[in-house]
Amino acid sequence: MAWQRVCPSTQLSEGQAIEVVLDGNVIAIFRSEGVLSALDGMCAHQGGPLARGHVANGRVTCPWHGWQYELQNGNNAVTCKPMQRTYPVNEMDGWIQIELAK
């Protein structure tokens, strides 16, 4: 596995999210409280765009129907069960990078 650059660090300010497509995967990347998180960008409920959701208290709320997920582990905030795939994400040399498992 190798880290893949997805965007310059300057494209993701505190409290923001972006959506990227990497090897056919739609991924939402968040910068919240100084921490980067990356998870499946399509809501498990009906495919809503999580990168457009509201982020607060370590969770993202889907803009379509209000489903909430923990940013660090992809767990549904109500059931506490994993529902969204998460991805290793880091920031190096001015770039945000994601590692995809094969």
Protein backbone atom coordinates (compact mmCIF):
# COMPACT_ATOMS: atom_id res chain seq x y z
CA MET A 1 0.00 0.00 0.00
CA ALA A 2 1.19 3.48 -0.79
CA TRP A 3 0.05 6.94 0.14
CA GLN A 4 -1.69 8.79 -2.68
CA ARG A 5 -1.84 12.56 -2.84
CA VAL A 6 -5.40 13.81 -3.16
CA CYS A 7 -5.20 17.59 -2.75
CA PRO A 8 -2.98 20.39 -1.51
CA SER A 9 -3.33 21.04 2.23
CA THR A 10 -4.48 24.58 1.50
CA GLN A 11 -7.73 23.25 -0.03
CA LEU A 12 -8.98 21.98 3.34
CA SER A 13 -9.30 24.56 6.10
CA GLU A 14 -10.41 23.92 9.67
CA GLY A 15 -14.08 22.94 9.83
CA GLN A 16 -14.28 22.10 6.13
CA ALA A 17 -14.67 18.94 4.10
CA ILE A 18 -13.92 17.95 0.53
CA GLU A 19 -14.97 15.06 -1.63
CA VAL A 20 -12.49 13.20 -3.80
CA VAL A 21 -12.74 10.17 -6.06
CA LEU A 22 -9.77 7.85 -5.76
CA ASP A 23 -9.59 4.51 -7.58
CA GLY A 24 -13.39 4.55 -7.95
CA ASN A 25 -14.00 5.30 -4.25
CA VAL A 26 -15.91 8.44 -3.27
CA ILE A 27 -14.15 9.69 -0.13
CA ALA A 28 -15.06 12.56 2.17
CA ILE A 29 -12.09 14.18 3.92
CA PHE A 30 -12.68 16.37 6.96
CA ARG A 31 -10.50 18.72 9.01
CA SER A 32 -12.21 19.07 12.37
CA GLU A 33 -10.61 20.26 15.60
CA GLY A 34 -7.21 20.04 13.93
CA VAL A 35 -7.62 16.37 13.01
CA LEU A 36 -7.94 14.89 9.51
CA SER A 37 -10.48 12.12 8.93
CA ALA A 38 -11.45 10.28 5.77
CA LEU A 39 -14.45 8.04 5.27
CA ASP A 40 -16.76 6.73 2.59
CA GLY A 41 -18.25 9.85 1.06
CA MET A 42 -21.69 8.38 0.37
CA CYS A 43 -24.11 7.94 3.27
CA ALA A 44 -25.02 4.31 4.01
CA HIS A 45 -28.69 5.29 4.17
CA GLN A 46 -29.36 6.62 0.66
CA GLY A 47 -26.03 7.78 -0.72
CA GLY A 48 -26.12 11.40 0.45
CA PRO A 49 -22.91 13.43 0.00
CA LEU A 50 -21.27 13.41 3.44
CA ALA A 51 -18.69 16.04 2.48
CA ARG A 52 -21.60 18.51 2.29
CA GLY A 53 -22.85 17.56 5.75
CA HIS A 54 -22.61 19.48 9.01
CA VAL A 55 -19.62 18.61 11.20
CA ALA A 56 -19.72 19.06 14.99
CA ASN A 57 -18.49 17.17 18.04
CA GLY A 58 -16.50 14.66 16.00
CA ARG A 59 -19.49 13.68 13.85
CA VAL A 60 -20.79 14.41 10.38
CA THR A 61 -24.53 14.70 9.73
CA CYS A 62 -25.71 13.70 6.27
CA PRO A 63 -27.40 16.67 4.58
CA TRP A 64 -30.15 14.50 3.06
CA HIS A 65 -31.75 12.68 6.00
CA GLY A 66 -29.71 13.50 9.10
CA TRP A 67 -27.87 10.22 9.64
CA GLN A 68 -24.77 10.82 11.75
CA TYR A 69 -21.38 9.13 11.67
CA GLU A 70 -18.31 9.35 13.90
CA LEU A 71 -15.45 10.86 11.88
CA GLN A 72 -12.70 8.73 13.41
CA ASN A 73 -14.25 5.28 13.01
CA GLY A 74 -17.27 5.55 10.67
CA ASN A 75 -19.68 4.28 13.32
CA ASN A 76 -23.33 5.27 13.14
CA ALA A 77 -23.89 7.72 15.99
CA VAL A 78 -27.17 6.07 17.07
CA THR A 79 -26.38 2.36 16.83
CA CYS A 80 -22.60 2.68 17.44
CA LYS A 81 -22.10 0.09 14.69
CA PRO A 82 -19.57 0.61 11.88
CA MET A 83 -21.37 1.74 8.74
CA GLN A 84 -18.87 3.86 6.82
CA ARG A 85 -15.47 2.67 5.69
CA THR A 86 -12.63 4.81 6.99
CA TYR A 87 -9.29 5.44 5.31
CA PRO A 88 -5.86 6.26 6.69
CA VAL A 89 -5.21 9.93 5.99
CA ASN A 90 -2.23 12.19 6.66
CA GLU A 91 -0.68 15.48 5.71
CA MET A 92 2.87 15.66 4.42
CA ASP A 93 4.88 18.24 2.49
CA GLY A 94 1.82 20.42 1.88
CA TRP A 95 -0.37 17.57 0.61
CA ILE A 96 -3.24 15.56 2.06
CA GLN A 97 -2.73 11.88 1.34
CA ILE A 98 -4.89 8.77 1.61
CA GLU A 99 -3.85 5.15 1.74
CA LEU A 100 -6.16 2.66 0.03
CA ALA A 101 -5.99 -1.02 0.93
CA LYS A 102 -5.98 -3.28 -2.09
